[in-house]
Amino acid sequence: MFVLARHPGLIRSVVNGQRMKGRRTMHRADPSRPNRLRAALRFGWLALGFLCVALGIIGALLPLMPTTIFLILAAGCFARSSPRLEGWLLDHPRFGPGLRAWRRDRAISRRAKGMACTGMAVGYAIFLITAAPHLPLALMVAVAMAACALFVVTRPTAGAWSDA
């Protein structure tokens, strides 16, 4: 009687209650298994890329939701799943130059920096007016937004939506 071991290619033979290790078997690992895993990962990156593009489009329409970070994430997801979609995003007439500047130099245009900092300030003002938070929460949100604004401002400056 033969029983397959947990390790591919090995069997344990049980003959009269005695185990014999190390024999080879005709059983081989399924060669399509790594391809299935790779395809599943690729599909996951592709789905995440489309989700990030959708959030980026929503962010372009809503004044307080960011756009660029979602498009940067989408470009990274598409780089792992679909070079064609990555190329489409990087060659997009509206968003492509900013994405290429970020990828090449980690740079943000002056216009984008101003819009980001203005958006954060407006968002914080709306938060203060509508939520009327207690002082500790208001300070925590202010510190978090100031840290984000500092990060944006300290990035290298790219030309205004150009590849310079």
Foldseek 3Di string as FASTA:
>chain_A
DWDPDPDAQWIWDQDVNDTDTDHGDPGGPDVCVVVVVLVVLLVVLQVLLVVLCVQLVVCVVDLQRHRLVSLLSSLVSCVSHPPVVNVCSLPPLPRNLQSLCCVPQVAHAPVVLVSLLVSLVVVLVCCCVVVVDDPVVNVVSVVVSVVVSVVNVPGHHDHDSHND
